[in-house]
Amino acid sequence: MSLSPELRARREVLLREHFESENRKDFGATLATFHHPRYELMATGDVYDGPEEVMRYYTESRTAFPDQRNRLLAMHHSDDAIVTEFELYGTHLGNYRGLPPTGRAFVAKMSAVFFFEGERIVCERIYFDANTILRQLGIAHNPLTLRGRLATALNHPVTVGTAFLRQALRRARGGRP
């Protein structure tokens, strides 16, 4: 089945409303863009399925990041989906999964695949690098810096110690495994 220009245009209008209603925090309008509300956050493995769970996601994320907003950068169409590229912004001003607010802001480029049945969304699958956000919030550190290496060693002593031991044994054997 080939996507008609009319259906493609209607889906694009709906998707723009989806993004804009999230920025307005008009989550009733956001939910109305779905045939069945479902979010899949690939970086964390979280799935929010159904209106109640999706509303819980909105509440949880906007409590932690009350100014959270997005900027749509691009849309790429296929017969049953639209792949988007966007930037997500926010300031960590509330508790998020046990993490107290840092007061720091983040900007992260993301991609989301919006799956459609007919004209309406049935799933939003979001791809992003959680570490990019955590580093900007001051919760994680770049593992290539001295600070990041020290944090990794302190947070994961057995893993790091085992890796150093394996490396030392390999060197002692002349590079053989």
C-alpha atoms as a PDB file:
ATOM      1  CA  MET A   1       0.000   0.000   0.000  1.00  0.00           C
ATOM      2  CA  SER A   2       1.347   3.382  -0.962  1.00  0.00           C
ATOM      3  CA  LEU A   3       0.655   6.360   1.264  1.00  0.00           C
ATOM      4  CA  SER A   4      -1.623   8.910  -0.401  1.00  0.00           C
ATOM      5  CA  PRO A   5      -0.562  12.577  -0.339  1.00  0.00           C
ATOM      6  CA  GLU A   6      -3.771  13.416   1.546  1.00  0.00           C
ATOM      7  CA  LEU A   7      -3.140  10.873   4.329  1.00  0.00           C
ATOM      8  CA  ARG A   8       0.485  11.951   4.557  1.00  0.00           C
ATOM      9  CA  ALA A   9      -0.610  15.597   4.990  1.00  0.00           C
ATOM     10  CA  ARG A  10      -3.222  14.706   7.648  1.00  0.00           C
ATOM     11  CA  ARG A  11      -0.651  12.665   9.605  1.00  0.00           C
ATOM     12  CA  GLU A  12       1.838  15.531   9.452  1.00  0.00           C
ATOM     13  CA  VAL A  13      -0.754  18.016  10.782  1.00  0.00           C
ATOM     14  CA  LEU A  14      -1.643  15.569  13.575  1.00  0.00           C
ATOM     15  CA  LEU A  15       2.008  15.061  14.473  1.00  0.00           C
ATOM     16  CA  ARG A  16       2.681  18.796  14.633  1.00  0.00           C
ATOM     17  CA  GLU A  17      -0.316  19.120  16.972  1.00  0.00           C
ATOM     18  CA  HIS A  18       1.104  16.276  19.077  1.00  0.00           C
ATOM     19  CA  PHE A  19       4.409  18.137  19.529  1.00  0.00           C
ATOM     20  CA  GLU A  20       2.782  21.536  20.061  1.00  0.00           C
ATOM     21  CA  SER A  21       0.218  20.237  22.585  1.00  0.00           C
ATOM     22  CA  GLU A  22       3.049  18.704  24.640  1.00  0.00           C
ATOM     23  CA  ASN A  23       4.728  22.124  24.723  1.00  0.00           C
ATOM     24  CA  ARG A  24       1.429  23.752  25.820  1.00  0.00           C
ATOM     25  CA  LYS A  25       0.999  20.981  28.433  1.00  0.00           C
ATOM     26  CA  ASP A  26      -2.430  20.317  26.927  1.00  0.00           C
ATOM     27  CA  PHE A  27      -2.141  16.594  27.485  1.00  0.00           C
ATOM     28  CA  GLY A  28      -5.799  15.977  26.700  1.00  0.00           C
ATOM     29  CA  ALA A  29      -5.057  17.231  23.182  1.00  0.00           C
ATOM     30  CA  THR A  30      -1.883  15.133  23.063  1.00  0.00           C
ATOM     31  CA  LEU A  31      -3.803  11.994  24.061  1.00  0.00           C
ATOM     32  CA  ALA A  32      -6.385  12.782  21.372  1.00  0.00           C
ATOM     33  CA  THR A  33      -3.667  12.375  18.704  1.00  0.00           C
ATOM     34  CA  PHE A  34      -3.474   8.665  19.585  1.00  0.00           C
ATOM     35  CA  HIS A  35      -5.754   5.843  18.534  1.00  0.00           C
ATOM     36  CA  HIS A  36      -4.172   4.019  21.479  1.00  0.00           C
ATOM     37  CA  PRO A  37      -1.695   5.970  23.677  1.00  0.00           C
ATOM     38  CA  ARG A  38       1.652   4.215  24.050  1.00  0.00           C
ATOM     39  CA  TYR A  39       5.167   5.512  24.695  1.00  0.00           C
ATOM     40  CA  GLU A  40       8.272   3.350  24.513  1.00  0.00           C
ATOM     41  CA  LEU A  41      11.465   4.965  25.869  1.00  0.00           C
ATOM     42  CA  MET A  42      14.228   2.873  24.364  1.00  0.00           C
ATOM     43  CA  ALA A  43      17.088   4.271  26.501  1.00  0.00           C
ATOM     44  CA  THR A  44      15.404   3.238  29.743  1.00  0.00           C
ATOM     45  CA  GLY A  45      13.221   0.359  28.619  1.00  0.00           C
ATOM     46  CA  ASP A  46      10.139   2.085  30.032  1.00  0.00           C
ATOM     47  CA  VAL A  47       6.795   1.435  28.361  1.00  0.00           C
ATOM     48  CA  TYR A  48       3.671   3.458  29.131  1.00  0.00           C
ATOM     49  CA  ASP A  49       0.656   1.742  27.616  1.00  0.00           C
ATOM     50  CA  GLY A  50      -2.852   3.156  27.760  1.00  0.00           C
ATOM     51  CA  PRO A  51      -4.218   6.577  28.706  1.00  0.00           C
ATOM     52  CA  GLU A  52      -3.647   6.259  32.463  1.00  0.00           C
ATOM     53  CA  GLU A  53      -0.014   5.160  32.145  1.00  0.00           C
ATOM     54  CA  VAL A  54       0.741   7.781  29.491  1.00  0.00           C
ATOM     55  CA  MET A  55      -0.788  10.481  31.714  1.00  0.00           C
ATOM     56  CA  ARG A  56       1.417   9.187  34.570  1.00  0.00           C
ATOM     57  CA  TYR A  57       4.434   9.623  32.268  1.00  0.00           C
ATOM     58  CA  TYR A  58       3.389  13.202  31.484  1.00  0.00           C
ATOM     59  CA  THR A  59       2.901  13.969  35.193  1.00  0.00           C
ATOM     60  CA  GLU A  60       6.196  12.353  36.242  1.00  0.00           C
ATOM     61  CA  SER A  61       8.283  14.024  33.552  1.00  0.00           C
ATOM     62  CA  ARG A  62       6.702  17.481  33.920  1.00  0.00           C
ATOM     63  CA  THR A  63       6.975  17.382  37.719  1.00  0.00           C
ATOM     64  CA  ALA A  64      10.724  16.835  37.397  1.00  0.00           C
ATOM     65  CA  PHE A  65      11.113  19.147  34.372  1.00  0.00           C
ATOM     66  CA  PRO A  66       8.248  21.671  34.522  1.00  0.00           C
ATOM     67  CA  ASP A  67       9.598  23.652  31.558  1.00  0.00           C
ATOM     68  CA  GLN A  68      10.136  20.577  29.369  1.00  0.00           C
ATOM     69  CA  ARG A  69       9.558  21.379  25.722  1.00  0.00           C
ATOM     70  CA  ASN A  70      10.558  20.150  22.303  1.00  0.00           C
ATOM     71  CA  ARG A  71      11.538  21.587  18.949  1.00  0.00           C
ATOM     72  CA  LEU A  72      10.696  19.503  15.925  1.00  0.00           C
ATOM     73  CA  LEU A  73      13.603  19.443  13.459  1.00  0.00           C
ATOM     74  CA  ALA A  74      12.570  16.988  10.746  1.00  0.00           C
ATOM     75  CA  MET A  75       9.982  14.414   9.681  1.00  0.00           C
ATOM     76  CA  HIS A  76      10.620  11.400   7.475  1.00  0.00           C
ATOM     77  CA  HIS A  77       7.550   9.542   6.179  1.00  0.00           C
ATOM     78  CA  SER A  78       6.936   5.875   5.513  1.00  0.00           C
ATOM     79  CA  ASP A  79       3.695   4.015   4.839  1.00  0.00           C
ATOM     80  CA  ASP A  80       2.983   3.158   8.491  1.00  0.00           C
ATOM     81  CA  ALA A  81       5.172   5.599  10.435  1.00  0.00           C
ATOM     82  CA  ILE A  82       6.782   8.999  10.647  1.00  0.00           C
ATOM     83  CA  VAL A  83      10.335   9.200  11.948  1.00  0.00           C
ATOM     84  CA  THR A  84      11.060  12.512  13.652  1.00  0.00           C
ATOM     85  CA  GLU A  85      14.173  14.298  14.783  1.00  0.00           C
ATOM     86  CA  PHE A  86      13.754  16.817  17.576  1.00  0.00           C
ATOM     87  CA  GLU A  87      15.481  18.579  20.440  1.00  0.00           C
ATOM     88  CA  LEU A  88      14.168  18.180  23.970  1.00  0.00           C
ATOM     89  CA  TYR A  89      14.834  20.871  26.564  1.00  0.00           C
ATOM     90  CA  GLY A  90      14.177  21.068  30.274  1.00  0.00           C
ATOM     91  CA  THR A  91      15.378  22.173  33.693  1.00  0.00           C
ATOM     92  CA  HIS A  92      15.563  19.659  36.547  1.00  0.00           C
ATOM     93  CA  LEU A  93      13.429  21.409  39.188  1.00  0.00           C
ATOM     94  CA  GLY A  94      11.616  18.478  40.810  1.00  0.00           C
ATOM     95  CA  ASN A  95      12.316  14.946  42.015  1.00  0.00           C
ATOM     96  CA  TYR A  96      12.816  12.423  39.247  1.00  0.00           C
ATOM     97  CA  ARG A  97      12.897   8.762  40.233  1.00  0.00           C
ATOM     98  CA  GLY A  98      14.489   9.532  43.560  1.00  0.00           C
ATOM     99  CA  LEU A  99      16.966  12.095  42.199  1.00  0.00           C
ATOM    100  CA  PRO A 100      16.599  15.455  43.922  1.00  0.00           C
ATOM    101  CA  PRO A 101      16.436  18.492  41.632  1.00  0.00           C
ATOM    102  CA  THR A 102      19.796  19.768  40.402  1.00  0.00           C
ATOM    103  CA  GLY A 103      18.452  23.041  38.996  1.00  0.00           C
ATOM    104  CA  ARG A 104      20.439  22.356  35.831  1.00  0.00           C
ATOM    105  CA  ALA A 105      19.105  22.441  32.283  1.00  0.00           C
ATOM    106  CA  PHE A 106      19.594  19.988  29.449  1.00  0.00           C
ATOM    107  CA  VAL A 107      19.260  19.937  25.679  1.00  0.00           C
ATOM    108  CA  ALA A 108      19.224  16.582  23.913  1.00  0.00           C
ATOM    109  CA  LYS A 109      18.745  15.607  20.291  1.00  0.00           C
ATOM    110  CA  MET A 110      16.368  12.691  19.941  1.00  0.00           C
ATOM    111  CA  SER A 111      14.556  10.631  17.389  1.00  0.00           C
ATOM    112  CA  ALA A 112      11.074   9.204  17.689  1.00  0.00           C
ATOM    113  CA  VAL A 113       9.193   6.810  15.469  1.00  0.00           C
ATOM    114  CA  PHE A 114       5.454   7.450  15.437  1.00  0.00           C
ATOM    115  CA  PHE A 115       3.541   4.374  14.285  1.00  0.00           C
ATOM    116  CA  PHE A 116       0.138   4.945  12.711  1.00  0.00           C
ATOM    117  CA  GLU A 117      -3.047   3.037  12.081  1.00  0.00           C
ATOM    118  CA  GLY A 118      -4.876   5.125   9.531  1.00  0.00           C
ATOM    119  CA  GLU A 119      -4.684   8.750  10.577  1.00  0.00           C
ATOM    120  CA  ARG A 120      -3.899   8.295  14.276  1.00  0.00           C
ATOM    121  CA  ILE A 121      -0.845   7.367  16.301  1.00  0.00           C
ATOM    122  CA  VAL A 122      -0.690   3.969  17.998  1.00  0.00           C
ATOM    123  CA  CYS A 123       2.828   4.217  19.452  1.00  0.00           C
ATOM    124  CA  GLU A 124       5.590   6.756  19.994  1.00  0.00           C
ATOM    125  CA  ARG A 125       8.962   4.998  20.278  1.00  0.00           C
ATOM    126  CA  ILE A 126      11.657   7.422  21.443  1.00  0.00           C
ATOM    127  CA  TYR A 127      15.398   6.921  20.974  1.00  0.00           C
ATOM    128  CA  PHE A 128      17.881   9.004  22.956  1.00  0.00           C
ATOM    129  CA  ASP A 129      21.119   8.848  24.896  1.00  0.00           C
ATOM    130  CA  ALA A 130      20.193   9.047  28.574  1.00  0.00           C
ATOM    131  CA  ASN A 131      23.827   9.683  29.542  1.00  0.00           C
ATOM    132  CA  THR A 132      23.836  12.936  27.539  1.00  0.00           C
ATOM    133  CA  ILE A 133      21.022  14.237  29.724  1.00  0.00           C
ATOM    134  CA  LEU A 134      22.488  12.881  32.977  1.00  0.00           C
ATOM    135  CA  ARG A 135      25.857  14.514  32.247  1.00  0.00           C
ATOM    136  CA  GLN A 136      24.225  17.891  31.607  1.00  0.00           C
ATOM    137  CA  LEU A 137      22.315  17.566  34.882  1.00  0.00           C
ATOM    138  CA  GLY A 138      25.581  16.871  36.729  1.00  0.00           C
ATOM    139  CA  ILE A 139      24.502  13.359  37.691  1.00  0.00           C
ATOM    140  CA  ALA A 140      26.898  11.471  35.399  1.00  0.00           C
ATOM    141  CA  HIS A 141      30.312  12.349  34.004  1.00  0.00           C
ATOM    142  CA  ASN A 142      32.008  11.828  30.664  1.00  0.00           C
ATOM    143  CA  PRO A 143      33.886   8.523  31.084  1.00  0.00           C
ATOM    144  CA  LEU A 144      36.751   9.822  28.929  1.00  0.00           C
ATOM    145  CA  THR A 145      37.645  12.585  31.416  1.00  0.00           C
ATOM    146  CA  LEU A 146      39.647  12.118  34.627  1.00  0.00           C
ATOM    147  CA  ARG A 147      36.568  12.956  36.696  1.00  0.00           C
ATOM    148  CA  GLY A 148      34.509  10.413  34.733  1.00  0.00           C
ATOM    149  CA  ARG A 149      37.139   7.706  35.111  1.00  0.00           C
ATOM    150  CA  LEU A 150      37.393   8.304  38.856  1.00  0.00           C
ATOM    151  CA  ALA A 151      33.603   8.235  39.211  1.00  0.00           C
ATOM    152  CA  THR A 152      33.431   4.993  37.242  1.00  0.00           C
ATOM    153  CA  ALA A 153      36.169   3.401  39.362  1.00  0.00           C
ATOM    154  CA  LEU A 154      34.479   4.471  42.603  1.00  0.00           C
ATOM    155  CA  ASN A 155      30.990   3.448  41.485  1.00  0.00           C
ATOM    156  CA  HIS A 156      32.018   0.140  39.913  1.00  0.00           C
ATOM    157  CA  PRO A 157      35.179  -1.094  41.712  1.00  0.00           C
ATOM    158  CA  VAL A 158      34.694  -4.802  40.950  1.00  0.00           C
ATOM    159  CA  THR A 159      34.088  -4.262  37.237  1.00  0.00           C
ATOM    160  CA  VAL A 160      36.974  -1.802  36.876  1.00  0.00           C
ATOM    161  CA  GLY A 161      39.280  -3.940  39.050  1.00  0.00           C
ATOM    162  CA  THR A 162      38.510  -7.050  37.006  1.00  0.00           C
ATOM    163  CA  ALA A 163      39.188  -5.161  33.759  1.00  0.00           C
ATOM    164  CA  PHE A 164      42.565  -3.938  35.059  1.00  0.00           C
ATOM    165  CA  LEU A 165      43.452  -7.451  36.228  1.00  0.00           C
ATOM    166  CA  ARG A 166      42.588  -8.938  32.808  1.00  0.00           C
ATOM    167  CA  GLN A 167      44.652  -6.248  31.086  1.00  0.00           C
ATOM    168  CA  ALA A 168      47.643  -6.885  33.388  1.00  0.00           C
ATOM    169  CA  LEU A 169      47.440 -10.663  32.826  1.00  0.00           C
ATOM    170  CA  ARG A 170      47.268 -10.172  29.040  1.00  0.00           C
ATOM    171  CA  ARG A 171      50.345  -7.946  29.114  1.00  0.00           C
ATOM    172  CA  ALA A 172      52.179 -10.484  31.276  1.00  0.00           C
ATOM    173  CA  ARG A 173      51.434 -13.188  28.670  1.00  0.00           C
ATOM    174  CA  GLY A 174      52.737 -11.016  25.844  1.00  0.00           C
ATOM    175  CA  GLY A 175      49.344  -9.825  24.613  1.00  0.00           C
ATOM    176  CA  ARG A 176      47.782 -13.289  24.290  1.00  0.00           C
ATOM    177  CA  PRO A 177      44.264 -13.802  25.703  1.00  0.00           C
END
